[in-house]
Amino acid sequence: MKVYLGADHRGFNLKGKIKNWLSENKFSTDDLGAFSYDPNDDYPLFAEKVANSVSSDINKGLESRGIVICGSGVGVDIVANKFKHIRSGLALNLKQVAQARKDDDINVLSIPSDFMSEEAKEIVKIFLATPFSKEEKKIRRLKEIDEIENAKKF
């Protein structure tokens, strides 16, 4: 499984730590930026690249996940959820991320760099290791989300 990474300046250092951990643990990664610290960069550009890459892989029948990072995590989460097939979740703690994977099959993880440091590695580990439960009611709910997404009522 490929893991796409993207972060703005506030998430830049944490992205580097996560990328190193993923490489050490033999995950295939694709860093989509930022590639240098720039206090004037904008998080939507990096979240877009990650979400678009995961969405494209899903369209091709490939499994991948995305990790997006900004100061609050909220901005990148909003951007990622604009893409078809993307279910991005804002990481709050280990238990919540495990539940988001198990119940909601999130495929993009939004990390708030201003509120996390070393625990981010454990959260990423849980995000990548926790399987979707495939319970009937969970599948039904994801189908309902797909129907809303496909209706484009707005």
N, C-alpha and C. Protein backbone atom coordinates (compact mmCIF):
# COMPACT_ATOMS: atom_id res chain seq x y z
N MET A 1 0.84 -1.17 0.00
CA MET A 1 0.00 0.00 0.00
C MET A 1 0.89 1.24 0.00
N LYS A 2 0.56 2.16 -0.90
CA LYS A 2 1.30 3.42 -0.97
C LYS A 2 0.68 4.42 -0.01
N VAL A 3 1.53 5.24 0.62
CA VAL A 3 1.07 6.29 1.52
C VAL A 3 1.55 7.63 0.96
N TYR A 4 0.60 8.49 0.64
CA TYR A 4 0.92 9.83 0.15
C TYR A 4 0.98 10.79 1.33
N LEU A 5 1.96 11.69 1.29
CA LEU A 5 2.16 12.67 2.37
C LEU A 5 2.14 14.08 1.82
N GLY A 6 1.53 14.98 2.58
CA GLY A 6 1.54 16.39 2.21
C GLY A 6 1.38 17.25 3.45
N ALA A 7 2.12 18.35 3.49
CA ALA A 7 2.04 19.26 4.64
C ALA A 7 2.46 20.66 4.24
N ASP A 8 1.88 21.62 4.92
CA ASP A 8 2.32 23.00 4.75
C ASP A 8 3.48 23.27 5.71
N HIS A 9 3.85 24.53 5.84
CA HIS A 9 5.00 24.90 6.68
C HIS A 9 4.80 24.50 8.14
N ARG A 10 3.57 24.60 8.64
CA ARG A 10 3.34 24.25 10.06
C ARG A 10 3.44 22.74 10.28
N GLY A 11 3.21 21.96 9.26
CA GLY A 11 3.32 20.51 9.38
C GLY A 11 4.59 19.94 8.80
N PHE A 12 5.44 20.81 8.27
CA PHE A 12 6.63 20.37 7.55
C PHE A 12 7.55 19.46 8.37
N ASN A 13 7.90 19.86 9.57
CA ASN A 13 8.81 19.06 10.39
C ASN A 13 8.19 17.72 10.80
N LEU A 14 6.92 17.74 11.17
CA LEU A 14 6.25 16.50 11.56
C LEU A 14 6.13 15.55 10.37
N LYS A 15 5.88 16.09 9.20
CA LYS A 15 5.82 15.25 7.99
C LYS A 15 7.15 14.53 7.79
N GLY A 16 8.24 15.22 8.00
CA GLY A 16 9.56 14.59 7.85
C GLY A 16 9.75 13.44 8.82
N LYS A 17 9.32 13.61 10.06
CA LYS A 17 9.43 12.54 11.06
C LYS A 17 8.56 11.34 10.68
N ILE A 18 7.34 11.63 10.23
CA ILE A 18 6.43 10.54 9.83
C ILE A 18 6.98 9.83 8.60
N LYS A 19 7.48 10.57 7.65
CA LYS A 19 8.05 9.98 6.44
C LYS A 19 9.22 9.06 6.79
N ASN A 20 10.08 9.49 7.68
CA ASN A 20 11.21 8.65 8.11
C ASN A 20 10.72 7.38 8.78
N TRP A 21 9.73 7.50 9.67
CA TRP A 21 9.18 6.32 10.34
C TRP A 21 8.57 5.36 9.33
N LEU A 22 7.82 5.89 8.36
CA LEU A 22 7.22 5.03 7.34
C LEU A 22 8.29 4.30 6.53
N SER A 23 9.34 5.00 6.16
CA SER A 23 10.44 4.38 5.40
C SER A 23 11.13 3.30 6.22
N GLU A 24 11.39 3.60 7.49
CA GLU A 24 12.02 2.61 8.37
C GLU A 24 11.17 1.35 8.51
N ASN A 25 9.86 1.50 8.38
CA ASN A 25 8.94 0.38 8.52
C ASN A 25 8.47 -0.17 7.18
N LYS A 26 9.25 0.14 6.13
CA LYS A 26 9.07 -0.45 4.80
C LYS A 26 7.77 -0.09 4.10
N PHE A 27 7.19 1.07 4.41
CA PHE A 27 6.01 1.54 3.68
C PHE A 27 6.48 2.28 2.44
N SER A 28 5.75 2.11 1.36
CA SER A 28 6.00 2.86 0.14
C SER A 28 5.37 4.24 0.30
N THR A 29 6.17 5.28 0.17
CA THR A 29 5.66 6.63 0.36
C THR A 29 5.87 7.48 -0.88
N ASP A 30 5.03 8.48 -1.01
CA ASP A 30 5.18 9.49 -2.05
C ASP A 30 4.95 10.84 -1.38
N ASP A 31 6.02 11.58 -1.18
CA ASP A 31 5.97 12.89 -0.55
C ASP A 31 5.58 13.92 -1.61
N LEU A 32 4.43 14.57 -1.40
CA LEU A 32 3.92 15.53 -2.38
C LEU A 32 4.12 16.98 -1.94
N GLY A 33 5.00 17.17 -0.97
CA GLY A 33 5.36 18.52 -0.55
C GLY A 33 4.74 18.87 0.79
N ALA A 34 5.17 19.94 1.30
CA ALA A 34 6.20 20.86 0.90
C ALA A 34 7.57 20.19 1.01
N PHE A 35 8.45 20.63 0.14
CA PHE A 35 9.79 20.05 0.10
C PHE A 35 10.82 20.91 0.82
N SER A 36 10.42 22.11 1.19
CA SER A 36 11.27 22.98 2.00
C SER A 36 10.34 23.84 2.86
N TYR A 37 10.90 24.35 3.95
CA TYR A 37 10.11 25.18 4.85
C TYR A 37 9.89 26.55 4.22
N ASP A 38 8.62 26.90 4.00
CA ASP A 38 8.26 28.20 3.44
C ASP A 38 7.07 28.73 4.24
N PRO A 39 7.29 29.71 5.11
CA PRO A 39 6.20 30.21 5.96
C PRO A 39 5.05 30.84 5.18
N ASN A 40 5.22 31.03 3.89
CA ASN A 40 4.16 31.63 3.07
C ASN A 40 3.42 30.62 2.20
N ASP A 41 3.70 29.31 2.36
CA ASP A 41 2.99 28.35 1.53
C ASP A 41 1.56 28.16 2.04
N ASP A 42 0.74 27.50 1.25
CA ASP A 42 -0.68 27.34 1.55
C ASP A 42 -1.06 25.87 1.58
N TYR A 43 -1.69 25.46 2.70
CA TYR A 43 -2.05 24.06 2.90
C TYR A 43 -2.97 23.47 1.83
N PRO A 44 -3.89 24.24 1.20
CA PRO A 44 -4.78 23.60 0.23
C PRO A 44 -4.04 22.91 -0.92
N LEU A 45 -2.92 23.47 -1.32
CA LEU A 45 -2.17 22.89 -2.44
C LEU A 45 -1.66 21.49 -2.13
N PHE A 46 -1.20 21.27 -0.92
CA PHE A 46 -0.64 19.97 -0.54
C PHE A 46 -1.74 18.96 -0.24
N ALA A 47 -2.81 19.41 0.40
CA ALA A 47 -3.94 18.51 0.67
C ALA A 47 -4.58 18.08 -0.64
N GLU A 48 -4.67 18.98 -1.59
CA GLU A 48 -5.23 18.65 -2.91
C GLU A 48 -4.41 17.56 -3.58
N LYS A 49 -3.10 17.69 -3.58
CA LYS A 49 -2.25 16.70 -4.23
C LYS A 49 -2.42 15.31 -3.61
N VAL A 50 -2.49 15.25 -2.29
CA VAL A 50 -2.63 13.97 -1.60
C VAL A 50 -4.00 13.36 -1.88
N ALA A 51 -5.05 14.14 -1.67
CA ALA A 51 -6.41 13.61 -1.87
C ALA A 51 -6.64 13.20 -3.32
N ASN A 52 -6.15 13.98 -4.25
CA ASN A 52 -6.29 13.64 -5.66
C ASN A 52 -5.57 12.34 -5.99
N SER A 53 -4.41 12.12 -5.40
CA SER A 53 -3.64 10.90 -5.64
C SER A 53 -4.35 9.67 -5.09
N VAL A 54 -4.88 9.77 -3.87
CA VAL A 54 -5.62 8.65 -3.28
C VAL A 54 -6.89 8.39 -4.08
N SER A 55 -7.61 9.43 -4.45
CA SER A 55 -8.84 9.29 -5.24
C SER A 55 -8.54 8.62 -6.59
N SER A 56 -7.48 9.04 -7.22
CA SER A 56 -7.07 8.46 -8.51
C SER A 56 -6.74 6.98 -8.36
N ASP A 57 -6.03 6.64 -7.29
CA ASP A 57 -5.71 5.22 -7.05
C ASP A 57 -6.97 4.40 -6.84
N ILE A 58 -7.92 4.93 -6.10
CA ILE A 58 -9.18 4.21 -5.87
C ILE A 58 -9.89 3.98 -7.20
N ASN A 59 -9.89 4.99 -8.08
CA ASN A 59 -10.51 4.83 -9.40
C ASN A 59 -9.84 3.73 -10.21
N LYS A 60 -8.56 3.48 -9.96
CA LYS A 60 -7.80 2.44 -10.66
C LYS A 60 -7.86 1.09 -9.95
N GLY A 61 -8.57 1.04 -8.82
CA GLY A 61 -8.66 -0.20 -8.06
C GLY A 61 -7.45 -0.47 -7.19
N LEU A 62 -6.65 0.54 -6.93
CA LEU A 62 -5.46 0.40 -6.10
C LEU A 62 -5.74 0.85 -4.67
N GLU A 63 -5.04 0.25 -3.73
CA GLU A 63 -5.19 0.66 -2.34
C GLU A 63 -4.07 1.62 -1.98
N SER A 64 -4.46 2.75 -1.46
CA SER A 64 -3.48 3.72 -0.95
C SER A 64 -4.15 4.50 0.16
N ARG A 65 -3.34 5.23 0.89
CA ARG A 65 -3.83 6.09 1.96
C ARG A 65 -3.09 7.42 1.86
N GLY A 66 -3.66 8.42 2.49
CA GLY A 66 -3.03 9.72 2.50
C GLY A 66 -2.91 10.26 3.92
N ILE A 67 -1.88 11.06 4.13
CA ILE A 67 -1.67 11.75 5.39
C ILE A 67 -1.40 13.21 5.04
N VAL A 68 -2.25 14.09 5.60
CA VAL A 68 -2.11 15.52 5.36
C VAL A 68 -1.95 16.22 6.70
N ILE A 69 -1.11 17.24 6.71
CA ILE A 69 -0.75 17.88 7.98
C ILE A 69 -0.73 19.40 7.81
N CYS A 70 -1.40 20.06 8.74
CA CYS A 70 -1.30 21.52 8.86
C CYS A 70 -1.40 21.84 10.35
N GLY A 71 -1.39 23.09 10.71
CA GLY A 71 -1.38 23.47 12.12
C GLY A 71 -2.52 22.89 12.92
N SER A 72 -3.75 23.14 12.49
CA SER A 72 -4.92 22.64 13.21
C SER A 72 -5.41 21.30 12.68
N GLY A 73 -4.99 20.93 11.49
CA GLY A 73 -5.48 19.72 10.84
C GLY A 73 -6.81 19.93 10.16
N VAL A 74 -7.52 20.97 10.53
CA VAL A 74 -8.87 21.20 9.99
C VAL A 74 -8.83 21.62 8.53
N GLY A 75 -7.95 22.53 8.19
CA GLY A 75 -7.89 23.02 6.81
C GLY A 75 -7.62 21.90 5.82
N VAL A 76 -6.62 21.08 6.09
CA VAL A 76 -6.31 19.98 5.17
C VAL A 76 -7.43 18.95 5.13
N ASP A 77 -8.11 18.77 6.25
CA ASP A 77 -9.23 17.84 6.32
C ASP A 77 -10.37 18.31 5.41
N ILE A 78 -10.67 19.59 5.47
CA ILE A 78 -11.72 20.16 4.61
C ILE A 78 -11.38 19.97 3.15
N VAL A 79 -10.16 20.29 2.77
CA VAL A 79 -9.74 20.16 1.38
C VAL A 79 -9.82 18.70 0.92
N ALA A 80 -9.28 17.80 1.71
CA ALA A 80 -9.25 16.39 1.31
C ALA A 80 -10.66 15.85 1.09
N ASN A 81 -11.60 16.25 1.90
CA ASN A 81 -12.97 15.74 1.79
C ASN A 81 -13.73 16.30 0.59
N LYS A 82 -13.13 17.15 -0.18
CA LYS A 82 -13.75 17.66 -1.40
C LYS A 82 -13.61 16.68 -2.57
N PHE A 83 -12.79 15.64 -2.41
CA PHE A 83 -12.48 14.74 -3.52
C PHE A 83 -13.32 13.46 -3.44
N LYS A 84 -13.72 13.00 -4.61
CA LYS A 84 -14.52 11.78 -4.73
C LYS A 84 -13.77 10.61 -4.11
N HIS A 85 -14.48 9.80 -3.38
CA HIS A 85 -13.98 8.58 -2.72
C HIS A 85 -13.13 8.87 -1.47
N ILE A 86 -12.94 10.11 -1.13
CA ILE A 86 -12.09 10.41 0.02
C ILE A 86 -12.95 10.56 1.27
N ARG A 87 -12.50 9.86 2.30
CA ARG A 87 -13.07 9.99 3.63
C ARG A 87 -11.92 10.33 4.55
N SER A 88 -11.75 11.62 4.75
CA SER A 88 -10.65 12.11 5.59
C SER A 88 -11.17 12.32 7.00
N GLY A 89 -10.33 11.98 7.97
CA GLY A 89 -10.69 12.18 9.36
C GLY A 89 -9.59 12.93 10.09
N LEU A 90 -10.01 13.83 10.96
CA LEU A 90 -9.09 14.61 11.77
C LEU A 90 -8.65 13.78 12.96
N ALA A 91 -7.36 13.58 13.11
CA ALA A 91 -6.81 12.77 14.20
C ALA A 91 -6.87 13.53 15.52
N LEU A 92 -7.53 12.92 16.50
CA LEU A 92 -7.58 13.51 17.84
C LEU A 92 -6.79 12.69 18.84
N ASN A 93 -6.93 11.37 18.75
CA ASN A 93 -6.20 10.48 19.66
C ASN A 93 -6.24 9.06 19.08
N LEU A 94 -5.52 8.14 19.71
CA LEU A 94 -5.40 6.77 19.19
C LEU A 94 -6.75 6.07 19.06
N LYS A 95 -7.55 6.14 20.10
CA LYS A 95 -8.84 5.45 20.11
C LYS A 95 -9.77 5.98 19.02
N GLN A 96 -9.79 7.28 18.85
CA GLN A 96 -10.66 7.90 17.85
C GLN A 96 -10.24 7.53 16.44
N VAL A 97 -8.94 7.49 16.16
CA VAL A 97 -8.46 7.13 14.83
C VAL A 97 -8.75 5.65 14.55
N ALA A 98 -8.56 4.79 15.53
CA ALA A 98 -8.88 3.37 15.36
C ALA A 98 -10.36 3.21 15.02
N GLN A 99 -11.21 3.93 15.73
CA GLN A 99 -12.64 3.84 15.47
C GLN A 99 -12.99 4.40 14.09
N ALA A 100 -12.34 5.47 13.69
CA ALA A 100 -12.59 6.06 12.38
C ALA A 100 -12.21 5.10 11.26
N ARG A 101 -11.14 4.35 11.44
CA ARG A 101 -10.76 3.33 10.44
C ARG A 101 -11.77 2.17 10.46
N LYS A 102 -12.06 1.68 11.64
CA LYS A 102 -12.93 0.51 11.79
C LYS A 102 -14.35 0.79 11.32
N ASP A 103 -14.90 1.94 11.72
CA ASP A 103 -16.30 2.24 11.43
C ASP A 103 -16.52 3.00 10.13
N ASP A 104 -15.61 3.91 9.80
CA ASP A 104 -15.83 4.82 8.68
C ASP A 104 -14.86 4.62 7.52
N ASP A 105 -13.94 3.69 7.66
CA ASP A 105 -12.98 3.36 6.61
C ASP A 105 -12.28 4.61 6.05
N ILE A 106 -11.84 5.50 6.97
CA ILE A 106 -11.14 6.70 6.48
C ILE A 106 -9.91 6.27 5.69
N ASN A 107 -9.64 7.00 4.61
CA ASN A 107 -8.48 6.69 3.78
C ASN A 107 -7.47 7.84 3.73
N VAL A 108 -7.82 8.95 4.36
CA VAL A 108 -6.89 10.07 4.52
C VAL A 108 -6.94 10.47 5.99
N LEU A 109 -5.78 10.68 6.56
CA LEU A 109 -5.65 11.09 7.95
C LEU A 109 -5.16 12.54 7.98
N SER A 110 -5.90 13.39 8.66
CA SER A 110 -5.52 14.79 8.82
C SER A 110 -4.95 14.98 10.22
N ILE A 111 -3.71 15.45 10.27
CA ILE A 111 -3.01 15.57 11.55
C ILE A 111 -2.79 17.04 11.90
N PRO A 112 -3.16 17.43 13.14
CA PRO A 112 -2.92 18.80 13.61
C PRO A 112 -1.53 18.93 14.24
N SER A 113 -0.59 19.44 13.48
CA SER A 113 0.80 19.49 13.96
C SER A 113 0.99 20.37 15.19
N ASP A 114 0.14 21.37 15.36
CA ASP A 114 0.29 22.25 16.53
C ASP A 114 -0.13 21.56 17.83
N PHE A 115 -0.80 20.42 17.72
CA PHE A 115 -1.33 19.73 18.89
C PHE A 115 -0.78 18.33 19.07
N MET A 116 0.16 17.92 18.22
CA MET A 116 0.75 16.58 18.31
C MET A 116 2.24 16.63 18.06
N SER A 117 2.91 15.65 18.62
CA SER A 117 4.33 15.48 18.32
C SER A 117 4.60 13.99 18.18
N GLU A 118 5.23 13.40 19.16
CA GLU A 118 5.61 11.99 19.07
C GLU A 118 4.42 11.03 18.95
N GLU A 119 3.25 11.41 19.53
CA GLU A 119 2.08 10.53 19.44
C GLU A 119 1.60 10.39 18.00
N ALA A 120 2.01 11.30 17.13
CA ALA A 120 1.60 11.22 15.73
C ALA A 120 2.05 9.92 15.09
N LYS A 121 3.22 9.42 15.45
CA LYS A 121 3.70 8.15 14.88
C LYS A 121 2.78 7.01 15.28
N GLU A 122 2.35 6.99 16.53
CA GLU A 122 1.43 5.94 16.98
C GLU A 122 0.08 6.06 16.29
N ILE A 123 -0.37 7.28 16.08
CA ILE A 123 -1.63 7.51 15.39
C ILE A 123 -1.54 7.03 13.95
N VAL A 124 -0.42 7.31 13.29
CA VAL A 124 -0.21 6.84 11.92
C VAL A 124 -0.19 5.31 11.89
N LYS A 125 0.48 4.72 12.86
CA LYS A 125 0.54 3.26 12.94
C LYS A 125 -0.87 2.67 13.03
N ILE A 126 -1.70 3.24 13.89
CA ILE A 126 -3.08 2.77 14.05
C ILE A 126 -3.86 2.99 12.75
N PHE A 127 -3.69 4.14 12.12
CA PHE A 127 -4.38 4.46 10.86
C PHE A 127 -4.05 3.43 9.78
N LEU A 128 -2.80 3.02 9.71
CA LEU A 128 -2.39 2.09 8.66
C LEU A 128 -2.69 0.64 8.99
N ALA A 129 -2.75 0.29 10.27
CA ALA A 129 -2.91 -1.11 10.68
C ALA A 129 -4.35 -1.53 10.96
N THR A 130 -5.22 -0.59 11.25
CA THR A 130 -6.59 -0.94 11.63
C THR A 130 -7.43 -1.20 10.39
N PRO A 131 -8.01 -2.39 10.30
CA PRO A 131 -8.86 -2.69 9.14
C PRO A 131 -10.28 -2.14 9.31
N PHE A 132 -10.95 -1.94 8.20
CA PHE A 132 -12.36 -1.59 8.19
C PHE A 132 -13.13 -2.82 8.66
N SER A 133 -14.14 -2.62 9.48
CA SER A 133 -14.87 -3.75 10.08
C SER A 133 -15.71 -4.54 9.08
N LYS A 134 -16.16 -3.89 8.02
CA LYS A 134 -17.02 -4.51 7.00
C LYS A 134 -18.35 -5.00 7.56
N GLU A 135 -18.76 -4.42 8.70
CA GLU A 135 -20.08 -4.74 9.23
C GLU A 135 -21.14 -4.21 8.25
N GLU A 136 -22.24 -4.92 8.17
CA GLU A 136 -23.30 -4.56 7.23
C GLU A 136 -23.74 -3.10 7.41
N LYS A 137 -23.96 -2.69 8.65
CA LYS A 137 -24.43 -1.31 8.86
C LYS A 137 -23.37 -0.28 8.49
N LYS A 138 -22.10 -0.63 8.65
CA LYS A 138 -21.02 0.30 8.28
C LYS A 138 -20.94 0.43 6.76
N ILE A 139 -21.07 -0.69 6.07
CA ILE A 139 -21.07 -0.67 4.60
C ILE A 139 -22.27 0.12 4.09
N ARG A 140 -23.43 -0.08 4.71
CA ARG A 140 -24.64 0.64 4.31
C ARG A 140 -24.42 2.15 4.46
N ARG A 141 -23.81 2.56 5.53
CA ARG A 141 -23.57 3.98 5.77
C ARG A 141 -22.60 4.57 4.76
N LEU A 142 -21.57 3.80 4.41
CA LEU A 142 -20.62 4.30 3.40
C LEU A 142 -21.30 4.43 2.04
N LYS A 143 -22.21 3.51 1.73
CA LYS A 143 -22.97 3.62 0.48
C LYS A 143 -23.85 4.86 0.50
N GLU A 144 -24.43 5.17 1.65
CA GLU A 144 -25.24 6.38 1.77
C GLU A 144 -24.38 7.63 1.54
N ILE A 145 -23.17 7.61 2.06
CA ILE A 145 -22.25 8.74 1.81
C ILE A 145 -21.95 8.84 0.33
N ASP A 146 -21.69 7.71 -0.33
CA ASP A 146 -21.44 7.72 -1.78
C ASP A 146 -22.62 8.30 -2.54
N GLU A 147 -23.84 7.95 -2.14
CA GLU A 147 -25.03 8.48 -2.80
C GLU A 147 -25.12 9.99 -2.66
N ILE A 148 -24.81 10.49 -1.48
CA ILE A 148 -24.80 11.94 -1.26
C ILE A 148 -23.73 12.58 -2.14
N GLU A 149 -22.57 11.98 -2.15
CA GLU A 149 -21.46 12.51 -2.96
C GLU A 149 -21.81 12.53 -4.44
N ASN A 150 -22.46 11.48 -4.92
CA ASN A 150 -22.80 11.37 -6.33
C ASN A 150 -23.97 12.27 -6.73
N ALA A 151 -24.83 12.62 -5.78
CA ALA A 151 -26.01 13.44 -6.08
C ALA A 151 -25.63 14.89 -6.38
N LYS A 152 -24.56 15.37 -5.77
CA LYS A 152 -24.09 16.75 -5.96
C LYS A 152 -25.24 17.74 -5.95
N LYS A 153 -25.96 17.75 -4.84
CA LYS A 153 -27.13 18.60 -4.69
C LYS A 153 -26.79 20.05 -4.43
N PHE A 154 -25.55 20.35 -4.29
CA PHE A 154 -25.17 21.71 -3.96
C PHE A 154 -24.42 22.36 -5.08
